[in-house]
N, C-alpha and C. Protein backbone atom coordinates (compact mmCIF):
# COMPACT_ATOMS: atom_id res chain seq x y z
N MET A 1 8.82 -10.79 29.28
CA MET A 1 8.16 -10.05 28.22
C MET A 1 8.26 -11.08 27.08
N GLU A 2 7.40 -10.67 26.10
CA GLU A 2 7.13 -11.19 24.95
C GLU A 2 7.95 -10.80 24.08
N PRO A 3 8.84 -11.37 23.15
CA PRO A 3 10.29 -10.87 22.28
C PRO A 3 9.36 -10.41 20.80
N ILE A 4 9.72 -9.29 20.22
CA ILE A 4 9.13 -8.88 19.15
C ILE A 4 8.88 -9.79 17.88
N ASN A 5 7.99 -9.79 17.60
CA ASN A 5 7.56 -10.72 16.53
C ASN A 5 6.54 -10.17 15.35
N TYR A 6 7.04 -9.69 14.10
CA TYR A 6 6.55 -9.03 13.15
C TYR A 6 5.80 -10.06 12.36
N GLY A 7 5.58 -11.22 12.59
CA GLY A 7 4.91 -12.56 11.81
C GLY A 7 5.32 -12.58 10.32
N PRO A 8 4.40 -12.52 9.39
CA PRO A 8 4.64 -12.43 8.13
C PRO A 8 5.25 -10.81 7.71
N LEU A 9 5.45 -9.78 8.43
CA LEU A 9 5.99 -8.63 8.03
C LEU A 9 7.48 -8.71 8.29
N ARG A 10 7.86 -9.48 9.12
CA ARG A 10 9.60 -9.88 8.88
C ARG A 10 9.99 -9.82 7.66
N PHE A 11 9.57 -9.89 6.60
CA PHE A 11 10.32 -10.34 5.52
C PHE A 11 10.36 -8.94 4.89
N LEU A 12 9.47 -8.01 5.28
CA LEU A 12 9.83 -6.46 4.62
C LEU A 12 10.64 -5.89 5.54
N ILE A 13 10.94 -5.77 6.66
CA ILE A 13 12.14 -5.07 7.40
C ILE A 13 13.40 -5.05 6.34
N GLY A 14 13.65 -3.42 5.94
CA GLY A 14 14.87 -2.94 5.28
C GLY A 14 14.30 -2.44 4.01
N SER A 15 15.45 -2.01 3.29
CA SER A 15 15.59 -1.17 2.09
C SER A 15 14.90 -2.15 0.66
N TRP A 16 14.05 -1.66 -0.21
CA TRP A 16 13.89 -2.44 -1.26
C TRP A 16 13.71 -1.20 -2.38
N HIS A 17 14.19 -2.03 -3.69
CA HIS A 17 14.01 -1.19 -4.81
C HIS A 17 13.49 -1.97 -6.24
N SER A 18 12.99 -1.44 -7.32
CA SER A 18 12.76 -2.10 -7.93
C SER A 18 13.94 -1.94 -9.28
N GLU A 19 14.39 -2.56 -10.24
CA GLU A 19 14.95 -2.64 -10.95
C GLU A 19 14.79 -2.46 -12.43
N GLY A 20 14.76 -0.92 -12.22
CA GLY A 20 14.55 -0.05 -13.65
C GLY A 20 13.07 0.29 -13.80
N PHE A 21 12.58 0.64 -14.92
CA PHE A 21 11.04 1.13 -15.04
C PHE A 21 10.44 -0.34 -14.93
N GLN A 22 10.06 -1.43 -14.21
CA GLN A 22 9.31 -1.84 -14.48
C GLN A 22 7.89 -1.90 -13.88
N GLY A 23 7.58 -1.23 -13.48
CA GLY A 23 6.65 -1.52 -12.01
C GLY A 23 5.67 -0.89 -13.25
N LYS A 24 4.44 -1.33 -13.44
CA LYS A 24 3.10 -1.06 -14.17
C LYS A 24 1.95 -0.20 -13.83
N ASN A 25 1.93 1.14 -13.79
CA ASN A 25 0.60 2.13 -13.25
C ASN A 25 -0.45 2.18 -14.93
N ARG A 26 -1.59 2.28 -13.71
CA ARG A 26 -2.93 2.31 -14.98
C ARG A 26 -3.73 3.46 -14.14
N ALA A 27 -3.80 4.74 -14.46
CA ALA A 27 -4.30 5.64 -13.97
C ALA A 27 -4.92 7.08 -14.68
N PRO A 28 -5.60 7.40 -14.19
CA PRO A 28 -6.52 8.97 -15.07
C PRO A 28 -5.38 9.90 -15.31
N ASP A 29 -5.01 10.17 -16.58
CA ASP A 29 -4.39 11.25 -17.36
C ASP A 29 -4.89 12.57 -16.83
N THR A 30 -4.33 13.60 -17.28
CA THR A 30 -5.07 14.93 -17.08
C THR A 30 -7.10 15.33 -17.62
N SER A 31 -6.93 14.63 -18.63
CA SER A 31 -8.48 14.55 -19.12
C SER A 31 -9.11 13.45 -18.84
N ARG A 32 -9.08 12.60 -17.76
CA ARG A 32 -9.69 11.73 -17.24
C ARG A 32 -9.72 10.14 -17.92
N ASN A 33 -8.61 10.05 -18.91
CA ASN A 33 -8.56 9.13 -19.68
C ASN A 33 -7.65 8.09 -19.04
N VAL A 34 -7.71 7.15 -19.60
CA VAL A 34 -6.59 5.98 -19.11
C VAL A 34 -5.42 6.63 -19.66
N GLU A 35 -4.28 6.18 -18.66
CA GLU A 35 -2.76 6.37 -18.89
C GLU A 35 -2.33 5.20 -18.13
N ASN A 36 -1.12 4.54 -19.12
CA ASN A 36 -0.73 3.52 -18.68
C ASN A 36 1.24 3.68 -18.55
N THR A 37 1.66 4.09 -17.69
CA THR A 37 2.95 4.34 -17.23
C THR A 37 3.78 3.27 -16.68
N LYS A 38 4.84 3.34 -16.82
CA LYS A 38 5.84 2.59 -16.18
C LYS A 38 6.50 3.31 -15.05
N PHE A 39 7.27 2.48 -14.14
CA PHE A 39 7.84 3.54 -13.02
C PHE A 39 8.93 2.66 -12.21
N ARG A 40 9.87 3.40 -11.22
CA ARG A 40 10.61 2.44 -10.58
C ARG A 40 10.46 3.23 -9.26
N GLN A 41 10.62 2.36 -8.32
CA GLN A 41 10.36 2.29 -7.11
C GLN A 41 11.23 2.19 -5.70
N GLU A 42 11.15 2.58 -4.98
CA GLU A 42 12.28 2.44 -3.48
C GLU A 42 11.42 2.54 -2.51
N MET A 43 11.29 1.51 -1.12
CA MET A 43 10.47 1.55 -0.46
C MET A 43 11.38 0.95 0.86
N ASP A 44 10.96 1.67 1.96
CA ASP A 44 12.14 1.28 3.58
C ASP A 44 11.16 1.09 3.99
N PHE A 45 11.38 -0.11 5.29
CA PHE A 45 10.62 -1.07 6.21
C PHE A 45 11.56 -0.98 7.47
N GLU A 46 11.10 0.31 8.60
CA GLU A 46 11.68 0.05 9.66
C GLU A 46 11.10 -0.63 10.82
N PRO A 47 11.59 -1.26 11.33
CA PRO A 47 10.72 -1.48 12.71
C PRO A 47 10.81 -0.86 13.80
N ILE A 48 9.82 -0.32 14.40
CA ILE A 48 9.40 0.54 15.71
C ILE A 48 8.99 -0.37 17.04
N GLY A 49 9.34 -1.45 16.71
CA GLY A 49 8.82 -1.91 18.21
C GLY A 49 7.14 -2.65 18.31
N ASP A 50 6.72 -2.94 19.59
CA ASP A 50 5.41 -2.95 19.75
C ASP A 50 4.44 -2.21 20.19
N VAL A 51 3.23 -1.74 20.24
CA VAL A 51 2.52 -0.87 20.41
C VAL A 51 1.27 -1.51 20.93
N ASN A 52 1.18 -0.99 21.98
CA ASN A 52 -0.02 -1.67 23.00
C ASN A 52 -1.20 -0.36 22.88
N ASN A 53 -2.63 -1.10 22.84
CA ASN A 53 -3.56 -0.56 22.67
C ASN A 53 -4.54 -1.35 23.96
N HIS A 54 -4.22 -0.86 25.20
CA HIS A 54 -4.53 -1.77 26.06
C HIS A 54 -4.48 -3.23 26.33
N GLU A 55 -5.02 -3.81 26.07
CA GLU A 55 -4.88 -5.54 25.90
C GLU A 55 -4.60 -6.10 24.66
N GLN A 56 -4.74 -4.83 23.38
CA GLN A 56 -4.40 -5.36 22.06
C GLN A 56 -2.64 -4.92 21.95
N LYS A 57 -1.73 -5.99 21.68
CA LYS A 57 -0.49 -5.74 21.58
C LYS A 57 -0.38 -5.54 19.52
N LEU A 58 0.66 -4.66 19.23
CA LEU A 58 0.84 -4.84 17.60
C LEU A 58 2.21 -4.62 17.81
N PHE A 59 2.60 -5.02 16.67
CA PHE A 59 4.13 -5.28 15.71
C PHE A 59 4.09 -4.80 14.50
N VAL A 60 4.94 -3.35 14.93
CA VAL A 60 4.70 -1.96 13.66
C VAL A 60 6.18 -1.78 12.83
N LEU A 61 5.67 -1.76 11.70
CA LEU A 61 6.83 -1.00 10.76
C LEU A 61 6.63 0.29 10.44
N ARG A 62 7.06 1.40 10.24
CA ARG A 62 6.85 2.38 9.46
C ARG A 62 7.36 1.93 8.47
N TYR A 63 6.90 2.71 7.36
CA TYR A 63 7.58 2.59 5.72
C TYR A 63 7.17 4.22 5.29
N ASN A 64 7.89 4.34 4.09
CA ASN A 64 7.80 5.22 3.05
C ASN A 64 8.04 4.71 1.62
N THR A 65 7.38 4.94 0.75
CA THR A 65 8.03 4.68 -0.82
C THR A 65 7.66 6.06 -1.31
N LYS A 66 8.37 5.87 -2.59
CA LYS A 66 8.29 6.76 -3.43
C LYS A 66 8.43 6.30 -4.93
N ALA A 67 8.12 6.40 -6.19
CA ALA A 67 7.84 6.07 -7.33
C ALA A 67 8.14 6.97 -8.57
N TRP A 68 9.03 7.01 -9.46
CA TRP A 68 9.22 7.81 -10.33
C TRP A 68 8.87 7.16 -11.66
N GLU A 69 8.25 8.02 -12.81
CA GLU A 69 7.96 7.49 -14.26
C GLU A 69 9.17 7.21 -14.74
N GLN A 70 9.19 6.57 -16.09
CA GLN A 70 9.97 6.33 -16.79
C GLN A 70 10.04 7.96 -17.91
N GLY A 71 11.04 8.47 -17.47
CA GLY A 71 10.97 9.87 -18.24
C GLY A 71 11.60 10.57 -17.09
N ASP A 72 10.85 10.52 -16.26
CA ASP A 72 11.41 11.77 -15.42
C ASP A 72 12.02 10.94 -13.65
N ASP A 73 13.30 11.23 -14.03
CA ASP A 73 13.87 10.14 -13.11
C ASP A 73 14.51 11.12 -11.58
N GLU A 74 14.07 12.49 -11.65
CA GLU A 74 14.24 13.32 -10.77
C GLU A 74 12.98 13.30 -9.58
N ASN A 75 11.78 13.42 -10.13
CA ASN A 75 10.58 13.86 -9.46
C ASN A 75 9.62 12.97 -9.16
N PRO A 76 9.70 12.51 -8.14
CA PRO A 76 8.45 11.46 -7.69
C PRO A 76 7.28 11.67 -8.02
N PHE A 77 6.81 10.80 -8.88
CA PHE A 77 5.20 10.93 -8.81
C PHE A 77 4.34 10.50 -8.01
N HIS A 78 4.72 9.72 -7.00
CA HIS A 78 3.90 8.96 -6.25
C HIS A 78 4.65 8.87 -4.82
N GLU A 79 4.18 9.34 -4.01
CA GLU A 79 4.90 8.91 -2.45
C GLU A 79 3.56 8.57 -1.58
N GLU A 80 4.27 7.81 -0.33
CA GLU A 80 3.70 7.30 0.61
C GLU A 80 3.99 6.94 1.40
N THR A 81 3.45 7.53 2.80
CA THR A 81 4.23 7.07 4.22
C THR A 81 3.32 6.56 5.04
N GLY A 82 3.48 5.53 6.46
CA GLY A 82 2.85 4.90 6.78
C GLY A 82 3.00 3.87 7.82
N TYR A 83 2.25 2.67 7.95
CA TYR A 83 2.68 1.97 8.86
C TYR A 83 2.40 0.51 8.57
N PHE A 84 2.76 -0.63 8.62
CA PHE A 84 2.36 -1.86 8.16
C PHE A 84 2.31 -2.72 10.02
N ILE A 85 1.42 -3.54 10.03
CA ILE A 85 1.26 -3.62 11.60
C ILE A 85 0.61 -5.15 11.52
N TRP A 86 1.52 -5.96 12.57
CA TRP A 86 1.01 -6.88 12.74
C TRP A 86 0.44 -7.30 14.03
N ASP A 87 -1.16 -7.69 14.03
CA ASP A 87 -1.59 -8.21 15.07
C ASP A 87 -1.76 -9.72 15.30
N LYS A 88 -0.90 -9.93 16.07
CA LYS A 88 -0.71 -11.44 16.38
C LYS A 88 -1.93 -12.12 16.87
N ALA A 89 -2.45 -11.86 17.79
CA ALA A 89 -3.69 -12.11 18.60
C ALA A 89 -4.82 -12.68 17.75
N ASN A 90 -5.06 -11.35 16.70
CA ASN A 90 -6.11 -11.62 16.09
C ASN A 90 -5.79 -12.22 14.59
N ARG A 91 -4.66 -12.60 14.13
CA ARG A 91 -3.94 -12.89 12.82
C ARG A 91 -4.47 -12.11 11.56
N GLN A 92 -4.03 -10.80 11.79
CA GLN A 92 -4.33 -9.74 10.91
C GLN A 92 -3.21 -8.91 10.49
N ILE A 93 -3.27 -8.42 9.49
CA ILE A 93 -2.38 -7.50 8.78
C ILE A 93 -3.10 -6.13 8.83
N LEU A 94 -2.44 -5.11 9.01
CA LEU A 94 -3.33 -3.77 8.87
C LEU A 94 -1.82 -3.24 7.65
N LYS A 95 -2.83 -2.01 7.08
CA LYS A 95 -1.67 -1.19 6.22
C LYS A 95 -2.72 0.31 6.19
N SER A 96 -1.72 1.10 7.65
CA SER A 96 -2.48 2.30 7.52
C SER A 96 -1.51 3.35 6.70
N PHE A 97 -1.98 4.57 5.71
CA PHE A 97 -1.15 5.23 5.11
C PHE A 97 -1.90 6.57 4.62
N ILE A 98 -0.94 7.35 4.25
CA ILE A 98 -1.47 8.67 3.92
C ILE A 98 -0.47 8.96 2.90
N VAL A 99 -1.38 9.65 1.42
CA VAL A 99 -0.73 9.84 0.23
C VAL A 99 -0.69 11.40 -0.05
N PRO A 100 0.17 12.21 -0.48
CA PRO A 100 0.12 13.90 -0.10
C PRO A 100 -0.59 14.44 -1.10
N ARG A 101 -2.25 13.72 -1.44
CA ARG A 101 -2.96 14.12 -2.01
C ARG A 101 -4.20 14.28 -1.48
N GLY A 102 -3.85 13.81 -0.26
CA GLY A 102 -5.15 14.24 0.80
C GLY A 102 -6.35 12.80 1.17
N VAL A 103 -5.40 11.63 0.86
CA VAL A 103 -6.00 10.32 1.02
C VAL A 103 -5.63 9.85 2.07
N ALA A 104 -6.12 9.40 3.02
CA ALA A 104 -5.80 8.19 4.00
C ALA A 104 -6.55 7.04 3.91
N VAL A 105 -5.81 5.82 4.45
CA VAL A 105 -6.31 4.21 3.98
C VAL A 105 -5.96 3.76 5.21
N ASN A 106 -6.58 3.14 5.87
CA ASN A 106 -6.66 1.85 6.71
C ASN A 106 -7.42 0.82 6.01
N ALA A 107 -6.06 -0.14 5.71
CA ALA A 107 -6.70 -1.50 5.21
C ALA A 107 -6.44 -2.46 5.99
N GLY A 108 -6.89 -3.91 5.99
CA GLY A 108 -6.85 -4.89 6.83
C GLY A 108 -7.12 -5.92 6.20
N GLY A 109 -6.34 -7.09 6.22
CA GLY A 109 -6.72 -8.71 5.97
C GLY A 109 -6.25 -9.48 6.86
N ASP A 110 -6.47 -10.82 6.82
CA ASP A 110 -5.97 -12.11 8.06
C ASP A 110 -4.67 -12.65 7.11
N ALA A 111 -4.22 -13.18 7.77
CA ALA A 111 -2.79 -13.85 7.79
C ALA A 111 -2.47 -14.66 8.73
N ASP A 112 -1.67 -15.70 8.53
CA ASP A 112 -1.05 -16.22 9.41
C ASP A 112 0.46 -16.02 9.86
N ILE A 113 1.01 -16.39 10.78
CA ILE A 113 2.31 -16.20 11.36
C ILE A 113 3.29 -15.93 10.39
N ASN A 114 3.46 -17.65 9.38
CA ASN A 114 4.16 -17.40 8.24
C ASN A 114 3.95 -17.28 6.80
N SER A 115 2.53 -16.54 6.69
CA SER A 115 2.16 -16.27 5.42
C SER A 115 3.31 -15.47 4.73
N THR A 116 3.37 -16.12 3.20
CA THR A 116 4.31 -15.18 2.28
C THR A 116 3.20 -14.72 1.35
N GLU A 117 1.88 -14.54 1.31
CA GLU A 117 0.89 -14.13 0.67
C GLU A 117 -0.33 -13.91 1.35
N PHE A 118 -0.47 -12.50 1.08
CA PHE A 118 -1.69 -11.86 2.15
C PHE A 118 -2.33 -10.61 1.21
N THR A 119 -3.63 -10.50 1.52
CA THR A 119 -4.39 -9.66 1.02
C THR A 119 -4.84 -8.54 1.93
N LEU A 120 -4.86 -7.15 1.36
CA LEU A 120 -5.29 -6.04 2.34
C LEU A 120 -6.46 -4.97 1.58
N LYS A 121 -7.50 -5.00 2.30
CA LYS A 121 -8.78 -4.32 1.93
C LYS A 121 -9.32 -3.09 2.75
N ALA A 122 -9.62 -2.36 1.96
CA ALA A 122 -10.27 -0.92 2.95
C ALA A 122 -11.76 -0.58 1.74
N GLN A 123 -13.10 -0.20 2.06
CA GLN A 123 -13.99 0.12 1.62
C GLN A 123 -14.10 1.48 2.41
N ARG A 124 -14.86 2.51 1.27
CA ARG A 124 -15.22 3.61 1.49
C ARG A 124 -16.55 3.33 2.44
N GLY A 125 -16.42 4.02 3.46
CA GLY A 125 -17.18 4.23 4.57
C GLY A 125 -17.86 2.89 5.47
N SER A 126 -16.22 2.09 5.39
CA SER A 126 -16.43 1.12 6.20
C SER A 126 -15.40 2.03 7.54
N THR A 127 -16.07 1.42 8.94
CA THR A 127 -15.62 2.18 9.97
C THR A 127 -14.35 1.61 10.81
N THR A 128 -14.07 0.57 10.21
CA THR A 128 -12.74 -0.49 10.54
C THR A 128 -11.56 -0.24 9.66
N TYR A 129 -11.87 -0.90 8.54
CA TYR A 129 -11.04 -0.93 7.45
C TYR A 129 -11.57 0.08 6.17
N GLY A 130 -11.03 1.17 6.47
CA GLY A 130 -11.72 2.38 5.19
C GLY A 130 -11.09 3.43 4.69
N ILE A 131 -11.36 4.11 4.43
CA ILE A 131 -10.93 5.24 3.48
C ILE A 131 -11.57 6.61 3.37
N CYS A 132 -10.52 7.49 3.70
CA CYS A 132 -10.95 9.20 3.66
C CYS A 132 -10.48 9.91 2.67
N SER A 133 -11.04 10.84 2.15
CA SER A 133 -10.54 11.72 1.17
C SER A 133 -10.71 13.07 1.55
N ASN A 134 -9.76 13.84 0.76
CA ASN A 134 -10.34 15.77 0.67
C ASN A 134 -11.43 15.93 0.05
N GLN A 135 -12.09 17.19 0.14
CA GLN A 135 -13.22 17.21 -0.63
C GLN A 135 -13.44 17.14 -2.02
N PHE A 136 -12.03 17.94 -2.62
CA PHE A 136 -12.34 17.81 -4.03
C PHE A 136 -12.07 16.56 -4.50
N LEU A 137 -11.47 15.46 -4.06
CA LEU A 137 -10.76 14.23 -4.54
C LEU A 137 -12.62 13.26 -4.25
N ASP A 138 -12.82 13.65 -3.39
CA ASP A 138 -14.35 12.78 -2.90
C ASP A 138 -15.31 13.36 -3.87
N ASP A 139 -15.42 14.72 -4.66
CA ASP A 139 -16.26 14.99 -5.55
C ASP A 139 -15.76 14.88 -6.82
N GLU A 140 -14.45 14.67 -7.41
CA GLU A 140 -13.93 14.19 -8.32
C GLU A 140 -13.64 12.85 -8.70
N PHE A 141 -12.71 12.48 -7.91
CA PHE A 141 -12.09 10.82 -7.83
C PHE A 141 -12.07 10.32 -6.83
N GLN A 142 -13.77 9.96 -6.91
CA GLN A 142 -14.02 9.18 -5.36
C GLN A 142 -13.28 7.93 -5.34
N VAL A 143 -13.10 7.11 -3.90
CA VAL A 143 -12.38 6.16 -4.02
C VAL A 143 -13.47 5.42 -3.01
N LEU A 144 -13.71 4.22 -3.89
CA LEU A 144 -14.89 3.41 -3.55
C LEU A 144 -14.07 2.38 -2.96
N SER A 145 -13.09 1.86 -3.21
CA SER A 145 -12.33 0.42 -2.54
C SER A 145 -10.88 0.44 -2.91
N TYR A 146 -10.39 -0.01 -1.99
CA TYR A 146 -9.04 -0.22 -2.19
C TYR A 146 -8.20 -2.03 -2.02
N GLN A 147 -7.36 -2.10 -2.67
CA GLN A 147 -6.82 -3.61 -2.30
C GLN A 147 -5.50 -4.02 -3.00
N VAL A 148 -4.74 -4.74 -2.12
CA VAL A 148 -3.43 -4.91 -2.05
C VAL A 148 -2.83 -6.18 -1.86
N SER A 149 -2.23 -7.11 -2.77
CA SER A 149 -2.03 -8.22 -2.62
C SER A 149 -0.27 -8.40 -2.50
N PHE A 150 0.39 -8.57 -1.31
CA PHE A 150 1.92 -9.16 -1.54
C PHE A 150 1.97 -10.80 -1.78
N ASN A 151 3.11 -10.82 -2.42
CA ASN A 151 3.86 -12.19 -2.54
C ASN A 151 5.08 -12.45 -2.29
N PHE A 152 5.55 -12.88 -1.30
CA PHE A 152 6.73 -12.87 -1.15
C PHE A 152 7.54 -13.92 -1.59
N GLU A 153 8.45 -13.85 -2.72
CA GLU A 153 8.69 -14.98 -3.71
C GLU A 153 10.40 -15.34 -3.09
N SER A 154 10.92 -14.69 -1.94
CA SER A 154 11.90 -15.55 -1.50
C SER A 154 12.30 -14.01 -0.27
N GLU A 155 13.16 -14.11 0.52
CA GLU A 155 13.40 -12.92 1.47
C GLU A 155 13.97 -11.72 1.05
N SER A 156 14.56 -12.17 -0.36
CA SER A 156 15.49 -10.66 -1.23
C SER A 156 14.24 -10.40 -2.46
N LYS A 157 13.06 -10.73 -2.32
CA LYS A 157 12.14 -10.67 -3.43
C LYS A 157 10.81 -10.60 -3.24
N PHE A 158 9.96 -9.61 -3.37
CA PHE A 158 8.67 -10.00 -3.30
C PHE A 158 7.76 -8.96 -4.57
N SER A 159 6.62 -9.16 -4.64
CA SER A 159 6.05 -8.31 -5.95
C SER A 159 4.72 -7.75 -4.94
N TYR A 160 3.84 -7.11 -5.74
CA TYR A 160 2.49 -6.40 -5.17
C TYR A 160 1.56 -6.11 -6.25
N ASP A 161 0.63 -6.14 -5.96
CA ASP A 161 -0.47 -5.72 -7.05
C ASP A 161 -1.79 -5.14 -6.20
N GLU A 162 -1.85 -3.96 -6.66
CA GLU A 162 -2.96 -3.25 -6.15
C GLU A 162 -4.06 -2.51 -6.82
N ASN A 163 -5.21 -2.40 -6.65
CA ASN A 163 -6.27 -1.72 -7.28
C ASN A 163 -7.05 -0.82 -6.34
N THR A 164 -7.38 0.31 -7.09
CA THR A 164 -8.20 1.75 -5.99
C THR A 164 -8.97 1.73 -7.33
N LYS A 165 -10.24 1.45 -6.59
CA LYS A 165 -11.53 1.65 -7.76
C LYS A 165 -12.09 3.31 -7.54
N LEU A 166 -12.12 3.72 -8.84
CA LEU A 166 -12.44 4.89 -8.81
C LEU A 166 -13.81 5.49 -8.92
N LYS A 167 -14.63 6.41 -8.80
CA LYS A 167 -15.50 6.89 -9.33
C LYS A 167 -15.17 8.26 -9.79
N ILE A 168 -14.97 8.35 -11.27
CA ILE A 168 -14.77 9.76 -11.72
C ILE A 168 -15.92 10.72 -12.27
N LYS A 169 -15.97 11.48 -11.49
CA LYS A 169 -17.18 12.48 -11.95
C LYS A 169 -17.31 12.46 -13.51
N GLY A 170 -18.23 12.34 -13.94
CA GLY A 170 -18.86 12.33 -15.43
C GLY A 170 -19.14 11.07 -15.78
N GLN A 171 -18.36 10.31 -15.31
CA GLN A 171 -17.91 8.75 -15.89
C GLN A 171 -19.21 7.92 -15.30
N ASP A 172 -19.61 7.05 -16.33
CA ASP A 172 -20.23 6.07 -15.57
C ASP A 172 -19.61 4.55 -15.28
N LYS A 173 -18.52 4.47 -15.71
CA LYS A 173 -18.30 2.90 -15.40
C LYS A 173 -16.91 3.40 -14.36
N VAL A 174 -16.94 2.35 -13.37
CA VAL A 174 -15.91 2.44 -12.01
C VAL A 174 -14.49 2.46 -13.11
N PHE A 175 -13.61 3.28 -12.46
CA PHE A 175 -12.21 3.31 -12.60
C PHE A 175 -11.29 2.43 -12.13
N ASP A 176 -10.77 1.85 -12.56
CA ASP A 176 -9.81 0.47 -12.12
C ASP A 176 -8.38 1.06 -12.01
N HIS A 177 -7.73 1.85 -11.19
CA HIS A 177 -6.54 2.91 -11.06
C HIS A 177 -5.73 1.45 -10.45
N THR A 178 -4.82 0.69 -11.55
CA THR A 178 -3.81 -0.47 -10.94
C THR A 178 -2.29 0.28 -10.79
N GLU A 179 -1.89 -0.83 -9.78
CA GLU A 179 -0.12 -1.00 -9.75
C GLU A 179 0.23 -2.02 -9.58
N LYS A 180 1.08 -2.47 -10.48
CA LYS A 180 1.92 -3.59 -9.67
C LYS A 180 3.44 -3.33 -10.11
N ASN A 181 4.50 -4.41 -8.87
CA ASN A 181 5.76 -3.71 -9.28
C ASN A 181 6.43 -4.93 -8.38
N ILE A 182 7.59 -5.39 -8.35
CA ILE A 182 8.23 -6.44 -7.95
C ILE A 182 9.69 -5.26 -7.34
N LEU A 183 9.81 -5.67 -6.11
CA LEU A 183 10.88 -5.17 -5.73
C LEU A 183 11.95 -6.06 -5.02
N LEU A 184 13.42 -5.93 -5.00
CA LEU A 184 14.05 -6.57 -4.60
C LEU A 184 14.94 -5.99 -2.89
N LYS A 185 15.54 -6.68 -2.59
CA LYS A 185 16.35 -5.95 -1.16
C LYS A 185 17.49 -5.31 -1.30
N LYS A 186 17.57 -4.37 -1.15
CA LYS A 186 19.18 -3.86 -1.43
C LYS A 186 19.98 -4.43 -0.32
């Protein structure tokens, strides 16, 4: 039996937090204009072992994250739950997640077993690494693409930089909903 091997995801296993409100979020405000906020964040990654898809063997971490905007330390403004998946044979990382606003994303990208940096992408309409939204969001805030890059600076520190491109109803220009943060292992 092959041992569990999480490849580059091994760095994520455990609980993480940001120091204070250092995260940066650029999102549409209630009037659909730009709002820039700072936030703090907590993330947990739990190994659940290997998952077999017939011949394909995947190594999976269950994760969840919550983020709180500066000024409201009790009510998270963002939550995500899902899986980070290492496909060792194909040297791919997948991030499959849902947000309780009615968005599901399956993003993927290439990585080597010892990578300390990787980028995952999803495109609207893709049948492999794609995005699905509820009817309201598809009409009003259509998600065109999603991209996130991770950089492991050490075994106790990583950063991410995320960009979700939105087509907001009534606006000609594509909106870059960006988020980035640095997290430390608890």
